[in-house]
Protein backbone atom coordinates (compact mmCIF):
# COMPACT_ATOMS: atom_id res chain seq x y z
CA UNK A 1 0.00 0.00 0.00
CA UNK A 2 1.32 3.43 -0.86
CA UNK A 3 2.14 5.72 2.05
CA UNK A 4 -0.53 8.31 1.25
CA UNK A 5 -3.17 5.63 0.68
CA UNK A 6 -2.07 3.76 3.77
CA UNK A 7 -2.43 6.88 5.93
CA UNK A 8 -5.87 7.57 4.45
CA UNK A 9 -6.98 4.02 5.26
CA UNK A 10 -5.70 4.34 8.83
CA UNK A 11 -7.41 7.68 9.39
CA UNK A 12 -10.65 6.41 7.86
CA UNK A 13 -10.56 3.33 10.08
CA UNK A 14 -9.86 5.44 13.18
CA UNK A 15 -12.83 7.66 12.35
CA UNK A 16 -15.12 4.69 11.78
CA UNK A 17 -13.94 3.20 15.07
CA UNK A 18 -14.87 6.43 16.88
CA UNK A 19 -18.31 6.37 15.26
CA UNK A 20 -19.21 2.68 15.58
CA UNK A 21 -17.13 1.59 18.63
CA UNK A 22 -17.06 -2.05 17.51
CA UNK A 23 -17.26 -4.85 20.09
CA UNK A 24 -15.14 -7.19 17.96
CA UNK A 25 -12.21 -5.32 16.34
CA UNK A 26 -11.10 -8.33 14.29
CA UNK A 27 -14.55 -8.77 12.71
CA UNK A 28 -14.86 -5.01 12.17
CA UNK A 29 -11.53 -4.89 10.30
CA UNK A 30 -12.38 -7.98 8.27
CA UNK A 31 -15.64 -6.37 7.09
CA UNK A 32 -13.85 -3.04 6.44
CA UNK A 33 -11.15 -4.73 4.34
CA UNK A 34 -13.75 -6.63 2.32
CA UNK A 35 -16.08 -3.64 1.84
CA UNK A 36 -13.36 -1.16 0.79
CA UNK A 37 -11.20 -3.64 -1.16
CA UNK A 38 -8.07 -3.11 0.91
CA UNK A 39 -5.02 -5.10 -0.17
CA UNK A 40 -4.59 -8.30 1.84
CA UNK A 41 -1.98 -8.65 4.55
CA UNK A 42 -2.88 -5.54 6.52
CA UNK A 43 -5.63 -7.04 8.67
CA UNK A 44 -3.41 -7.61 11.71
CA UNK A 45 -1.95 -4.09 11.62
CA UNK A 46 -5.39 -2.53 11.15
CA UNK A 47 -6.87 -4.66 13.96
CA UNK A 48 -4.17 -3.35 16.31
CA UNK A 49 -5.00 0.18 15.20
CA UNK A 50 -8.71 -0.35 16.01
CA UNK A 51 -7.87 -1.92 19.38
CA UNK A 52 -5.58 0.99 20.28
CA UNK A 53 -8.22 3.52 19.25
CA UNK A 54 -10.86 1.75 21.37
CA UNK A 55 -8.51 1.76 24.37
CA UNK A 56 -7.86 5.47 23.85
CA UNK A 57 -11.60 6.17 23.59
CA UNK A 58 -12.40 4.14 26.69
CA UNK A 59 -9.68 5.80 28.75
CA UNK A 60 -10.89 9.28 27.81
CA UNK A 61 -14.47 8.41 28.82
CA UNK A 62 -13.54 7.12 32.27
C-alpha atoms as a PDB file:
ATOM      1  CA  UNK A   1       0.000   0.000   0.000  1.00  0.00           C
ATOM      2  CA  UNK A   2       1.318   3.430  -0.855  1.00  0.00           C
ATOM      3  CA  UNK A   3       2.144   5.716   2.052  1.00  0.00           C
ATOM      4  CA  UNK A   4      -0.528   8.306   1.246  1.00  0.00           C
ATOM      5  CA  UNK A   5      -3.170   5.630   0.683  1.00  0.00           C
ATOM      6  CA  UNK A   6      -2.072   3.760   3.767  1.00  0.00           C
ATOM      7  CA  UNK A   7      -2.431   6.878   5.929  1.00  0.00           C
ATOM      8  CA  UNK A   8      -5.871   7.567   4.453  1.00  0.00           C
ATOM      9  CA  UNK A   9      -6.980   4.020   5.264  1.00  0.00           C
ATOM     10  CA  UNK A  10      -5.702   4.340   8.828  1.00  0.00           C
ATOM     11  CA  UNK A  11      -7.411   7.685   9.392  1.00  0.00           C
ATOM     12  CA  UNK A  12     -10.647   6.414   7.861  1.00  0.00           C
ATOM     13  CA  UNK A  13     -10.562   3.328  10.076  1.00  0.00           C
ATOM     14  CA  UNK A  14      -9.860   5.444  13.183  1.00  0.00           C
ATOM     15  CA  UNK A  15     -12.830   7.665  12.349  1.00  0.00           C
ATOM     16  CA  UNK A  16     -15.118   4.691  11.780  1.00  0.00           C
ATOM     17  CA  UNK A  17     -13.940   3.201  15.071  1.00  0.00           C
ATOM     18  CA  UNK A  18     -14.868   6.426  16.881  1.00  0.00           C
ATOM     19  CA  UNK A  19     -18.308   6.375  15.259  1.00  0.00           C
ATOM     20  CA  UNK A  20     -19.212   2.684  15.585  1.00  0.00           C
ATOM     21  CA  UNK A  21     -17.128   1.594  18.626  1.00  0.00           C
ATOM     22  CA  UNK A  22     -17.061  -2.052  17.514  1.00  0.00           C
ATOM     23  CA  UNK A  23     -17.265  -4.846  20.093  1.00  0.00           C
ATOM     24  CA  UNK A  24     -15.140  -7.188  17.957  1.00  0.00           C
ATOM     25  CA  UNK A  25     -12.213  -5.320  16.339  1.00  0.00           C
ATOM     26  CA  UNK A  26     -11.105  -8.331  14.291  1.00  0.00           C
ATOM     27  CA  UNK A  27     -14.546  -8.770  12.709  1.00  0.00           C
ATOM     28  CA  UNK A  28     -14.856  -5.012  12.175  1.00  0.00           C
ATOM     29  CA  UNK A  29     -11.531  -4.887  10.299  1.00  0.00           C
ATOM     30  CA  UNK A  30     -12.376  -7.978   8.266  1.00  0.00           C
ATOM     31  CA  UNK A  31     -15.635  -6.366   7.089  1.00  0.00           C
ATOM     32  CA  UNK A  32     -13.853  -3.039   6.439  1.00  0.00           C
ATOM     33  CA  UNK A  33     -11.149  -4.727   4.336  1.00  0.00           C
ATOM     34  CA  UNK A  34     -13.755  -6.627   2.325  1.00  0.00           C
ATOM     35  CA  UNK A  35     -16.075  -3.641   1.844  1.00  0.00           C
ATOM     36  CA  UNK A  36     -13.364  -1.164   0.788  1.00  0.00           C
ATOM     37  CA  UNK A  37     -11.198  -3.641  -1.161  1.00  0.00           C
ATOM     38  CA  UNK A  38      -8.066  -3.111   0.915  1.00  0.00           C
ATOM     39  CA  UNK A  39      -5.025  -5.101  -0.172  1.00  0.00           C
ATOM     40  CA  UNK A  40      -4.587  -8.296   1.844  1.00  0.00           C
ATOM     41  CA  UNK A  41      -1.977  -8.654   4.546  1.00  0.00           C
ATOM     42  CA  UNK A  42      -2.880  -5.544   6.515  1.00  0.00           C
ATOM     43  CA  UNK A  43      -5.633  -7.043   8.671  1.00  0.00           C
ATOM     44  CA  UNK A  44      -3.414  -7.609  11.712  1.00  0.00           C
ATOM     45  CA  UNK A  45      -1.951  -4.088  11.616  1.00  0.00           C
ATOM     46  CA  UNK A  46      -5.394  -2.531  11.152  1.00  0.00           C
ATOM     47  CA  UNK A  47      -6.869  -4.656  13.958  1.00  0.00           C
ATOM     48  CA  UNK A  48      -4.172  -3.352  16.309  1.00  0.00           C
ATOM     49  CA  UNK A  49      -4.999   0.181  15.197  1.00  0.00           C
ATOM     50  CA  UNK A  50      -8.706  -0.347  16.008  1.00  0.00           C
ATOM     51  CA  UNK A  51      -7.875  -1.921  19.385  1.00  0.00           C
ATOM     52  CA  UNK A  52      -5.579   0.990  20.275  1.00  0.00           C
ATOM     53  CA  UNK A  53      -8.222   3.516  19.249  1.00  0.00           C
ATOM     54  CA  UNK A  54     -10.858   1.748  21.365  1.00  0.00           C
ATOM     55  CA  UNK A  55      -8.509   1.759  24.371  1.00  0.00           C
ATOM     56  CA  UNK A  56      -7.864   5.465  23.847  1.00  0.00           C
ATOM     57  CA  UNK A  57     -11.596   6.175  23.589  1.00  0.00           C
ATOM     58  CA  UNK A  58     -12.399   4.137  26.689  1.00  0.00           C
ATOM     59  CA  UNK A  59      -9.675   5.797  28.751  1.00  0.00           C
ATOM     60  CA  UNK A  60     -10.889   9.283  27.813  1.00  0.00           C
ATOM     61  CA  UNK A  61     -14.471   8.409  28.818  1.00  0.00           C
ATOM     62  CA  UNK A  62     -13.541   7.116  32.269  1.00  0.00           C
END
